[in-house]
N, C-alpha and C. Protein backbone atom coordinates (compact mmCIF):
# COMPACT_ATOMS: atom_id res chain seq x y z
N ILE A 1 0.73 -1.43 0.05
CA ILE A 1 0.10 -0.05 0.08
C ILE A 1 0.94 1.27 0.01
N ARG A 2 1.68 1.00 1.06
CA ARG A 2 2.73 2.12 0.57
C ARG A 2 3.53 2.68 -0.61
N PHE A 3 4.03 1.51 -1.02
CA PHE A 3 4.40 1.77 -2.41
C PHE A 3 3.49 2.17 -3.41
N ALA A 4 2.32 1.82 -3.60
CA ALA A 4 1.15 2.48 -4.37
C ALA A 4 0.41 3.85 -4.53
N MET A 5 0.79 3.98 -2.67
CA MET A 5 0.32 5.63 -2.66
C MET A 5 1.49 6.56 -3.22
N ALA A 6 2.51 5.89 -2.65
CA ALA A 6 3.91 7.07 -2.54
C ALA A 6 4.13 7.04 -4.52
N PHE A 7 3.84 6.31 -5.53
CA PHE A 7 4.22 6.17 -6.70
C PHE A 7 2.93 6.09 -7.56
N ALA A 8 1.58 6.23 -7.01
CA ALA A 8 0.76 6.04 -8.26
C ALA A 8 0.50 7.55 -8.90
N ASP A 9 -0.11 7.79 -10.07
CA ASP A 9 0.05 9.03 -10.46
C ASP A 9 -1.20 9.96 -9.90
N PHE A 10 -1.97 9.37 -9.32
CA PHE A 10 -3.01 9.73 -8.56
C PHE A 10 -3.88 9.16 -7.12
N ASN A 11 -3.94 9.47 -6.48
CA ASN A 11 -4.82 8.67 -5.14
C ASN A 11 -6.19 9.84 -4.93
N LEU A 12 -7.07 8.53 -5.51
CA LEU A 12 -8.49 9.58 -5.29
C LEU A 12 -8.99 8.76 -4.06
N PHE A 13 -9.79 10.05 -3.06
CA PHE A 13 -10.11 9.49 -1.57
C PHE A 13 -11.66 10.36 -1.93
N ILE A 14 -12.52 9.27 -1.55
CA ILE A 14 -14.59 9.89 -1.70
C ILE A 14 -14.62 10.75 -0.32
N SER A 15 -13.93 11.36 0.27
CA SER A 15 -14.33 12.07 1.84
C SER A 15 -13.34 12.98 2.13
N PHE A 16 -13.65 13.91 3.35
CA PHE A 16 -12.11 14.29 3.69
C PHE A 16 -11.81 13.65 4.42
N ASP A 17 -12.87 12.66 5.16
CA ASP A 17 -12.36 12.24 6.23
C ASP A 17 -11.31 11.00 6.22
N GLN A 18 -11.82 10.25 4.78
CA GLN A 18 -10.45 9.14 4.07
C GLN A 18 -9.44 10.01 3.74
N TYR A 19 -9.14 11.00 3.24
CA TYR A 19 -8.33 11.58 2.99
C TYR A 19 -7.28 12.07 4.26
N ASN A 20 -7.83 12.44 5.30
CA ASN A 20 -7.14 12.95 6.26
C ASN A 20 -6.67 11.73 7.02
N GLN A 21 -7.10 10.41 7.25
CA GLN A 21 -6.83 9.27 7.84
C GLN A 21 -5.92 8.61 7.21
N VAL A 22 -6.24 8.51 5.76
CA VAL A 22 -4.76 8.06 5.05
C VAL A 22 -3.20 9.14 4.71
N THR A 23 -3.79 10.20 4.42
CA THR A 23 -2.26 11.08 4.36
C THR A 23 -1.71 11.41 5.26
N THR A 24 -2.09 11.08 6.60
CA THR A 24 -1.76 11.19 8.05
C THR A 24 -0.29 10.04 8.29
N HIS A 25 -1.15 9.24 7.72
CA HIS A 25 -0.46 7.42 7.78
C HIS A 25 0.56 7.35 6.54
N PHE A 26 0.55 7.87 5.78
CA PHE A 26 1.15 7.18 4.49
C PHE A 26 1.69 8.41 3.50
N LYS A 27 2.73 8.54 2.74
CA LYS A 27 3.31 9.09 2.12
C LYS A 27 2.35 9.33 0.70
N VAL A 28 1.71 10.47 0.21
CA VAL A 28 0.74 10.21 -1.07
C VAL A 28 0.80 11.00 -2.10
N LYS A 29 1.00 10.40 -3.17
CA LYS A 29 1.51 11.45 -4.28
C LYS A 29 0.23 11.91 -5.21
N ASN A 30 -0.04 13.10 -5.43
CA ASN A 30 -1.46 13.71 -6.32
C ASN A 30 -2.34 13.21 -5.70
N PRO A 31 -3.00 13.59 -4.29
CA PRO A 31 -4.26 13.35 -3.52
C PRO A 31 -5.41 14.19 -4.15
N VAL A 32 -6.54 13.53 -4.42
CA VAL A 32 -7.55 14.54 -5.18
C VAL A 32 -8.77 13.80 -4.30
N THR A 33 -9.56 14.49 -3.98
CA THR A 33 -10.69 14.22 -2.93
C THR A 33 -11.91 14.40 -4.08
N LEU A 34 -12.79 13.20 -4.09
CA LEU A 34 -14.12 13.28 -5.03
C LEU A 34 -15.28 13.22 -3.90
N ARG A 35 -16.37 14.03 -4.45
CA ARG A 35 -17.28 13.95 -4.04
C ARG A 35 -17.73 14.32 -2.80
N SER A 36 -16.73 15.01 -2.34
CA SER A 36 -16.97 15.90 -1.09
C SER A 36 -17.77 17.16 -0.98
N SER A 37 -18.91 16.99 -1.11
CA SER A 37 -19.57 18.03 -1.71
C SER A 37 -19.79 19.36 -0.10
N LEU A 38 -19.75 18.62 0.63
CA LEU A 38 -19.79 19.39 1.84
C LEU A 38 -18.34 20.20 2.07
N LYS A 39 -18.44 21.49 2.87
CA LYS A 39 -16.80 21.86 3.23
C LYS A 39 -17.16 21.46 4.54
N LYS A 40 -16.07 21.74 5.32
CA LYS A 40 -15.57 21.22 7.02
C LYS A 40 -16.15 21.98 7.61
N SER A 41 -16.56 23.47 6.90
CA SER A 41 -17.38 24.23 7.93
C SER A 41 -18.87 24.00 7.85
N ASP A 42 -19.21 23.04 6.67
CA ASP A 42 -20.86 23.00 6.93
C ASP A 42 -20.95 21.79 8.08
N LEU A 43 -20.21 21.36 8.57
CA LEU A 43 -20.20 20.00 9.29
C LEU A 43 -20.24 19.88 10.91
N PHE A 44 -19.61 21.41 11.18
CA PHE A 44 -18.97 20.95 12.63
C PHE A 44 -19.98 21.83 13.28
N ASP A 45 -20.36 23.06 12.75
CA ASP A 45 -21.34 23.88 13.75
C ASP A 45 -22.90 23.35 13.81
N ILE A 46 -23.00 22.64 14.86
CA ILE A 46 -24.71 22.36 14.90
C ILE A 46 -25.52 23.45 14.93
N LYS A 47 -25.28 24.34 15.86
CA LYS A 47 -25.93 25.96 15.80
C LYS A 47 -26.12 26.22 14.48
N LYS A 48 -25.20 26.26 13.79
CA LYS A 48 -25.71 26.96 12.28
C LYS A 48 -26.47 26.03 11.41
N ILE A 49 -26.30 24.89 11.87
CA ILE A 49 -27.30 23.88 11.02
C ILE A 49 -28.61 24.20 11.32
N LEU A 50 -28.39 24.22 12.70
CA LEU A 50 -29.97 23.84 13.01
C LEU A 50 -30.75 25.19 12.58
N LEU A 51 -30.01 26.40 12.57
CA LEU A 51 -30.71 27.60 12.50
C LEU A 51 -30.79 27.73 10.94
N GLU A 52 -29.89 27.22 10.03
CA GLU A 52 -29.96 26.95 8.63
C GLU A 52 -31.44 26.18 8.43
N ARG A 53 -31.32 24.61 8.79
CA ARG A 53 -32.57 24.19 8.89
C ARG A 53 -34.15 24.94 9.11
N LYS A 54 -33.97 25.31 9.90
CA LYS A 54 -35.09 26.11 10.28
C LYS A 54 -35.56 27.29 9.56
N ARG A 55 -34.59 27.96 8.89
CA ARG A 55 -34.65 28.96 7.89
C ARG A 55 -34.93 28.32 6.59
N ASN A 56 -34.51 27.27 6.06
CA ASN A 56 -34.85 26.49 4.81
C ASN A 56 -36.05 25.71 4.94
N SER A 57 -36.86 25.53 5.82
CA SER A 57 -37.77 24.82 6.05
C SER A 57 -39.11 25.97 5.43
N ASN A 58 -39.51 25.42 4.56
CA ASN A 58 -40.64 26.02 3.36
C ASN A 58 -41.91 26.41 3.91
N ASP A 59 -42.04 25.21 4.49
CA ASP A 59 -43.73 24.63 5.00
C ASP A 59 -43.98 23.98 6.18
N GLU A 60 -43.97 24.13 7.61
CA GLU A 60 -44.00 23.61 8.46
C GLU A 60 -44.63 22.43 8.58
N ASN A 61 -46.03 22.64 8.02
CA ASN A 61 -47.13 21.71 8.16
C ASN A 61 -46.66 20.67 6.93
N LYS A 62 -45.54 20.49 6.36
CA LYS A 62 -45.47 19.31 4.83
C LYS A 62 -44.14 18.87 5.51
N ILE A 63 -44.58 17.42 5.39
CA ILE A 63 -43.20 16.75 5.71
C ILE A 63 -41.99 16.72 3.98
N HIS A 64 -40.91 16.72 4.34
CA HIS A 64 -40.24 16.70 3.45
C HIS A 64 -39.22 15.27 3.16
N PHE A 65 -39.32 14.83 2.11
CA PHE A 65 -38.20 13.54 1.83
C PHE A 65 -37.19 13.51 0.73
N LEU A 66 -36.13 13.50 1.06
CA LEU A 66 -35.25 13.72 -0.19
C LEU A 66 -34.29 12.46 -0.44
N THR A 67 -34.08 12.06 -1.46
CA THR A 67 -33.15 11.21 -2.38
C THR A 67 -32.07 11.84 -3.23
N THR A 68 -31.05 11.70 -3.47
CA THR A 68 -30.30 12.07 -4.32
C THR A 68 -29.20 10.88 -5.04
N LEU A 69 -29.13 11.06 -6.31
CA LEU A 69 -28.76 10.03 -7.26
C LEU A 69 -28.59 10.27 -8.73
N TRP A 70 -27.65 9.76 -9.30
CA TRP A 70 -27.55 9.86 -11.00
C TRP A 70 -28.80 9.43 -11.33
N HIS A 71 -29.44 10.03 -12.23
CA HIS A 71 -31.01 9.78 -13.11
C HIS A 71 -30.46 8.61 -13.98
N THR A 72 -29.90 7.51 -13.65
CA THR A 72 -29.83 6.56 -15.02
C THR A 72 -30.67 5.57 -14.54
N ASN A 73 -31.53 4.67 -15.54
CA ASN A 73 -31.97 3.67 -15.13
C ASN A 73 -31.44 2.59 -14.06
N LYS A 74 -30.03 2.59 -14.62
CA LYS A 74 -29.43 1.41 -13.48
C LYS A 74 -29.76 2.24 -12.07
N GLN A 75 -28.84 3.25 -12.08
CA GLN A 75 -29.34 3.94 -10.54
C GLN A 75 -30.56 3.71 -9.61
N HIS A 76 -31.66 3.55 -10.70
CA HIS A 76 -33.20 3.84 -10.02
C HIS A 76 -33.31 2.49 -9.84
N THR A 77 -32.76 1.11 -10.17
CA THR A 77 -33.19 0.00 -9.80
C THR A 77 -32.24 -0.30 -8.61
N ARG A 78 -30.73 0.21 -8.67
CA ARG A 78 -29.99 -0.11 -7.80
C ARG A 78 -30.36 0.75 -6.59
N LYS A 79 -31.15 1.95 -6.73
CA LYS A 79 -31.32 2.50 -5.38
C LYS A 79 -32.55 2.57 -4.88
N GLY A 80 -33.50 1.46 -5.27
CA GLY A 80 -34.86 1.02 -4.85
C GLY A 80 -35.24 2.33 -5.18
N ILE A 81 -35.26 3.11 -6.18
CA ILE A 81 -36.38 4.25 -6.53
C ILE A 81 -37.84 3.77 -6.70
N TYR A 82 -37.95 2.86 -7.78
CA TYR A 82 -39.49 2.49 -7.69
C TYR A 82 -40.02 1.87 -6.76
N GLU A 83 -39.39 0.89 -5.99
CA GLU A 83 -40.24 0.65 -4.70
C GLU A 83 -40.53 1.62 -3.79
N SER A 84 -39.60 2.63 -3.82
CA SER A 84 -39.77 3.59 -3.01
C SER A 84 -41.03 4.37 -3.65
N LEU A 85 -41.04 4.78 -4.94
CA LEU A 85 -42.52 5.31 -5.52
C LEU A 85 -43.47 4.52 -5.09
N ASP A 86 -43.42 3.39 -4.90
CA ASP A 86 -44.77 2.52 -4.78
C ASP A 86 -45.08 2.68 -3.03
N GLY A 87 -43.88 2.83 -2.18
CA GLY A 87 -44.40 3.28 -0.88
C GLY A 87 -44.96 4.74 -0.98
N ILE A 88 -44.44 5.58 -1.66
CA ILE A 88 -44.98 7.00 -1.29
C ILE A 88 -46.57 7.13 -2.00
N PHE A 89 -46.76 6.20 -3.22
CA PHE A 89 -47.94 5.75 -3.56
C PHE A 89 -48.94 5.72 -2.69
N TYR A 90 -48.54 4.45 -1.66
CA TYR A 90 -49.11 3.81 -0.73
C TYR A 90 -49.72 4.88 0.47
N LEU A 91 -48.36 5.48 0.83
CA LEU A 91 -48.48 6.68 2.42
C LEU A 91 -49.53 7.86 1.42
N ASN A 92 -49.37 8.04 0.04
CA ASN A 92 -50.52 9.17 -0.38
C ASN A 92 -51.62 8.79 -0.18
N GLN A 93 -51.69 7.13 -0.13
CA GLN A 93 -53.24 6.90 -0.33
C GLN A 93 -54.02 6.70 0.71
N LYS A 94 -53.08 6.75 2.40
CA LYS A 94 -53.39 6.19 3.46
C LYS A 94 -53.47 7.54 4.57
N THR A 95 -52.69 8.69 3.99
CA THR A 95 -52.65 9.93 4.59
C THR A 95 -53.34 11.38 4.45
N GLN A 96 -53.57 12.04 4.83
CA GLN A 96 -53.90 13.46 4.74
C GLN A 96 -52.67 14.60 4.73
N LYS A 97 -51.62 13.73 5.55
CA LYS A 97 -50.87 14.90 5.83
C LYS A 97 -50.12 14.89 4.30
N LYS A 98 -49.68 16.27 4.31
CA LYS A 98 -48.77 17.14 2.95
C LYS A 98 -47.58 16.58 3.47
N PHE A 99 -47.37 16.03 2.26
CA PHE A 99 -45.47 15.95 2.32
C PHE A 99 -45.15 16.02 0.71
N GLU A 100 -43.91 15.79 0.39
CA GLU A 100 -43.36 16.23 -1.00
C GLU A 100 -41.98 15.06 -0.63
N TRP A 101 -41.84 14.31 -1.78
CA TRP A 101 -40.44 13.86 -2.03
C TRP A 101 -39.77 14.25 -3.15
N SER A 102 -38.57 15.54 -2.52
CA SER A 102 -37.47 15.54 -3.71
C SER A 102 -36.41 14.53 -4.12
N ILE A 103 -36.38 14.25 -5.56
CA ILE A 103 -35.12 13.60 -6.01
C ILE A 103 -34.38 14.14 -6.69
N ILE A 104 -33.32 14.45 -6.28
CA ILE A 104 -31.91 15.28 -7.12
C ILE A 104 -30.74 14.21 -7.73
N GLY A 105 -30.26 15.10 -8.66
CA GLY A 105 -29.33 14.49 -8.85
C GLY A 105 -29.10 14.99 -10.45
N LYS A 106 -28.06 13.85 -11.01
CA LYS A 106 -27.72 14.56 -12.42
C LYS A 106 -28.51 13.78 -13.31
N ASP A 107 -28.21 14.15 -14.50
CA ASP A 107 -29.16 13.91 -15.61
C ASP A 107 -28.71 12.78 -16.06
N GLY A 108 -29.55 12.01 -16.88
CA GLY A 108 -29.08 10.72 -17.20
C GLY A 108 -30.30 10.25 -18.08
N ASP A 109 -30.04 8.56 -18.62
CA ASP A 109 -30.98 8.08 -19.43
C ASP A 109 -32.48 7.72 -18.82
N GLY A 110 -32.31 7.57 -17.02
CA GLY A 110 -33.38 7.52 -16.25
C GLY A 110 -34.73 8.42 -16.20
N VAL A 111 -34.39 9.71 -16.19
CA VAL A 111 -35.26 10.95 -16.22
C VAL A 111 -36.52 10.91 -16.73
N LEU A 112 -36.91 10.31 -18.24
CA LEU A 112 -37.85 10.26 -18.93
C LEU A 112 -38.77 8.81 -18.09
N GLY A 113 -38.24 8.04 -17.78
CA GLY A 113 -38.63 6.78 -17.11
C GLY A 113 -39.38 7.18 -15.85
N LEU A 114 -38.54 7.70 -15.09
CA LEU A 114 -38.96 8.29 -13.80
C LEU A 114 -40.07 9.13 -13.83
N LYS A 115 -40.07 10.27 -14.51
CA LYS A 115 -41.14 10.95 -14.60
C LYS A 115 -42.63 10.43 -15.01
N LYS A 116 -42.29 9.49 -16.11
CA LYS A 116 -43.59 8.54 -16.33
C LYS A 116 -44.17 7.91 -15.53
N ARG A 117 -43.55 7.35 -14.34
CA ARG A 117 -43.85 6.44 -13.63
C ARG A 117 -44.69 7.42 -12.53
N ILE A 118 -44.02 8.58 -12.36
CA ILE A 118 -44.59 9.45 -11.41
C ILE A 118 -46.19 9.92 -12.00
N LYS A 119 -45.66 9.83 -12.78
CA LYS A 119 -47.38 10.42 -13.81
C LYS A 119 -48.32 9.15 -13.57
N GLU A 120 -47.93 8.29 -13.80
CA GLU A 120 -48.78 6.70 -14.06
C GLU A 120 -49.07 6.74 -13.00
N LEU A 121 -48.73 7.23 -11.15
CA LEU A 121 -49.09 7.01 -10.19
C LEU A 121 -49.68 8.21 -9.28
N LYS A 122 -50.22 9.13 -10.31
CA LYS A 122 -50.75 10.72 -10.33
C LYS A 122 -49.86 11.37 -8.87
N LEU A 123 -48.32 11.30 -8.99
CA LEU A 123 -47.95 11.77 -7.75
C LEU A 123 -47.13 13.10 -8.03
N GLU A 124 -47.52 13.82 -9.11
CA GLU A 124 -47.10 14.88 -9.99
C GLU A 124 -46.93 15.93 -8.64
N ASP A 125 -47.73 15.91 -7.84
CA ASP A 125 -47.87 17.11 -6.98
C ASP A 125 -46.94 16.43 -5.63
N LYS A 126 -46.54 15.41 -5.48
CA LYS A 126 -46.06 14.73 -4.19
C LYS A 126 -44.57 14.63 -4.45
N VAL A 127 -44.37 14.30 -5.66
CA VAL A 127 -42.67 13.99 -6.33
C VAL A 127 -42.26 14.38 -7.25
N LYS A 128 -40.95 15.45 -6.76
CA LYS A 128 -40.39 16.43 -7.81
C LYS A 128 -39.07 15.92 -7.87
N VAL A 129 -38.53 16.04 -9.39
CA VAL A 129 -37.22 15.40 -9.48
C VAL A 129 -36.49 16.91 -10.16
N TYR A 130 -35.41 17.08 -9.83
CA TYR A 130 -34.75 18.20 -9.91
C TYR A 130 -33.21 17.40 -10.41
N ILE A 131 -32.85 18.20 -11.77
CA ILE A 131 -31.68 17.83 -12.47
C ILE A 131 -30.38 18.56 -12.02
N ASP A 132 -29.23 18.05 -12.33
CA ASP A 132 -28.08 19.17 -11.90
C ASP A 132 -28.32 20.13 -11.01
N VAL A 133 -28.78 20.14 -9.63
CA VAL A 133 -28.87 20.91 -9.05
C VAL A 133 -27.42 21.47 -8.47
N PRO A 134 -27.44 22.67 -8.36
CA PRO A 134 -25.63 23.25 -7.88
C PRO A 134 -25.59 22.98 -6.19
N GLN A 135 -24.32 22.58 -6.11
CA GLN A 135 -24.01 22.58 -4.53
C GLN A 135 -24.77 23.51 -3.61
N SER A 136 -24.73 24.60 -3.93
CA SER A 136 -25.22 25.29 -2.64
C SER A 136 -26.87 25.16 -2.68
N GLU A 137 -27.37 25.11 -3.84
CA GLU A 137 -29.17 24.57 -3.72
C GLU A 137 -29.57 23.06 -3.07
N LYS A 138 -28.55 22.36 -3.15
CA LYS A 138 -28.47 20.75 -2.84
C LYS A 138 -28.25 20.64 -1.57
N ILE A 139 -27.32 21.85 -1.01
CA ILE A 139 -27.42 21.91 0.84
C ILE A 139 -28.77 22.40 1.26
N LYS A 140 -29.30 23.42 0.58
CA LYS A 140 -30.84 23.93 1.03
C LYS A 140 -31.85 22.63 0.93
N PHE A 141 -31.62 21.73 -0.29
CA PHE A 141 -32.64 20.76 -0.26
C PHE A 141 -32.22 20.02 1.52
N TYR A 142 -31.21 19.32 1.71
CA TYR A 142 -30.98 18.45 2.75
C TYR A 142 -31.69 19.36 3.92
N LEU A 143 -31.28 20.67 3.93
CA LEU A 143 -31.86 21.76 5.28
C LEU A 143 -33.04 21.27 5.60
N LYS A 144 -33.87 21.26 4.56
CA LYS A 144 -35.51 21.59 4.54
C LYS A 144 -35.99 20.28 4.44
N SER A 145 -35.44 19.21 4.64
CA SER A 145 -35.58 17.65 4.48
C SER A 145 -35.84 17.52 5.88
N ASP A 146 -36.74 16.74 6.20
CA ASP A 146 -37.02 15.65 7.40
C ASP A 146 -36.42 14.43 7.42
N LEU A 147 -36.48 13.84 6.14
CA LEU A 147 -35.83 12.51 6.31
C LEU A 147 -35.21 11.97 5.10
N TYR A 148 -33.94 11.70 5.03
CA TYR A 148 -33.22 11.53 3.96
C TYR A 148 -33.55 9.65 3.36
N ILE A 149 -33.84 9.23 2.22
CA ILE A 149 -34.45 8.16 1.90
C ILE A 149 -33.54 7.67 1.11
N GLN A 150 -32.83 6.11 1.12
CA GLN A 150 -32.02 5.69 0.53
C GLN A 150 -32.46 4.60 0.49
N PRO A 151 -33.10 3.51 -0.09
CA PRO A 151 -33.25 2.00 0.26
C PRO A 151 -32.20 1.11 -0.78
N SER A 152 -31.24 1.81 -0.76
CA SER A 152 -30.62 0.99 -2.21
C SER A 152 -30.12 -0.58 -1.89
N TRP A 153 -29.81 -1.25 -2.60
CA TRP A 153 -29.76 -2.70 -2.76
C TRP A 153 -28.49 -2.94 -2.62
N CYS A 154 -27.59 -1.81 -3.60
CA CYS A 154 -25.95 -2.17 -3.20
C CYS A 154 -25.65 -0.52 -3.01
N GLU A 155 -24.63 -0.43 -2.24
CA GLU A 155 -24.09 0.67 -2.52
C GLU A 155 -22.34 0.44 -1.85
N GLY A 156 -21.98 1.36 -2.24
CA GLY A 156 -20.47 1.19 -2.37
C GLY A 156 -19.73 1.77 -0.68
N PHE A 157 -20.51 3.33 -0.61
CA PHE A 157 -20.20 3.75 0.93
C PHE A 157 -21.51 4.38 1.36
N GLY A 158 -21.95 5.11 0.60
CA GLY A 158 -22.84 5.89 1.39
C GLY A 158 -22.46 7.26 1.38
N ASN A 159 -22.21 8.00 0.47
CA ASN A 159 -21.50 9.58 0.80
C ASN A 159 -23.19 10.54 1.44
N ALA A 160 -23.98 10.04 0.35
CA ALA A 160 -25.17 11.21 1.00
C ALA A 160 -26.30 10.86 1.72
N VAL A 161 -25.86 9.72 2.54
CA VAL A 161 -26.14 9.13 3.45
C VAL A 161 -25.76 9.84 4.66
N LEU A 162 -24.36 9.94 4.54
CA LEU A 162 -23.41 10.73 5.71
C LEU A 162 -23.47 11.83 5.42
N GLU A 163 -23.59 12.53 4.39
CA GLU A 163 -23.79 14.02 4.16
C GLU A 163 -25.61 14.66 4.70
N ALA A 164 -26.30 13.83 4.65
CA ALA A 164 -27.43 14.15 5.27
C ALA A 164 -27.50 14.16 6.72
N MET A 165 -26.84 13.05 7.18
CA MET A 165 -26.82 13.10 8.61
C MET A 165 -25.76 13.94 9.21
N ALA A 166 -24.93 14.45 8.64
CA ALA A 166 -24.22 15.84 8.70
C ALA A 166 -24.91 17.02 8.92
N LEU A 167 -26.10 16.91 8.23
CA LEU A 167 -26.69 18.39 8.12
C LEU A 167 -27.52 17.99 8.63
N GLY A 168 -27.75 17.28 10.10
CA GLY A 168 -28.99 16.90 10.66
C GLY A 168 -30.21 16.30 10.29
N VAL A 169 -30.31 15.64 9.02
CA VAL A 169 -31.43 15.03 8.47
C VAL A 169 -31.16 13.16 8.79
N PRO A 170 -32.45 12.94 9.51
CA PRO A 170 -32.26 11.44 9.74
C PRO A 170 -32.45 10.81 8.47
N ALA A 171 -31.54 9.70 8.33
CA ALA A 171 -31.57 8.81 7.22
C ALA A 171 -32.44 7.24 7.35
N LEU A 172 -33.45 6.85 6.51
CA LEU A 172 -33.49 5.66 6.09
C LEU A 172 -33.20 5.15 5.09
N VAL A 173 -32.32 3.74 5.44
CA VAL A 173 -31.71 3.41 4.38
C VAL A 173 -32.01 2.21 4.71
N SER A 174 -31.70 1.23 3.40
CA SER A 174 -32.07 -0.45 3.86
C SER A 174 -30.86 -1.25 4.26
N ARG A 175 -31.19 -2.46 4.53
CA ARG A 175 -30.13 -3.10 5.41
C ARG A 175 -29.14 -3.72 4.55
N TYR A 176 -28.58 -3.14 3.33
CA TYR A 176 -27.73 -3.85 2.34
C TYR A 176 -26.51 -3.25 2.21
N THR A 177 -25.41 -3.76 1.86
CA THR A 177 -24.16 -3.44 1.80
C THR A 177 -23.50 -2.64 3.02
N SER A 178 -23.00 -1.15 2.77
CA SER A 178 -22.74 -0.14 3.79
C SER A 178 -23.80 0.28 4.22
N GLN A 179 -24.79 0.49 4.10
CA GLN A 179 -25.40 1.81 4.38
C GLN A 179 -25.47 1.39 6.07
N PRO A 180 -25.93 0.45 6.62
CA PRO A 180 -25.94 -0.24 8.37
C PRO A 180 -24.91 0.65 8.94
N GLU A 181 -23.76 0.42 8.22
CA GLU A 181 -22.46 0.89 9.29
C GLU A 181 -22.66 2.20 8.80
N VAL A 182 -22.91 2.70 7.92
CA VAL A 182 -22.91 4.66 7.90
C VAL A 182 -23.99 4.92 8.82
């Protein structure tokens, strides 16, 4: 490991924490942190987080759910989006409580199919799909959310779950792969 870290063209890390843990133990050539969308300053000031959560809450009588992913057919299947839509459909049938589920992420070949399924279930007023949201707006989505939903069948680490929890959003995840650990 020491040899590979010292002589690789790049060393890629998926979080600030991973970067800090590795670089304090090994000599690393060209470290690059990927997918760390939160700044360190966003993570540790709980009073700031709670104030921002209150400020970003649009409607106190509405429950806000959030999921982030790449909008590809493969991701929607792997992340359990269609099963979650079925759950949202059931919830909509069984309660009068106002709620909204925001699904945000990068554009891909799954957007049309997802929007079609939302329309088939008559959930257009409950489920919103947002494409290529800037990081500053993504943080606002986290801050106004009451629950982060990620029922993935397969998850490498769960950065989005960690981001949600770092911003004070409880996460509802599946029991598969790395998610229970996160």
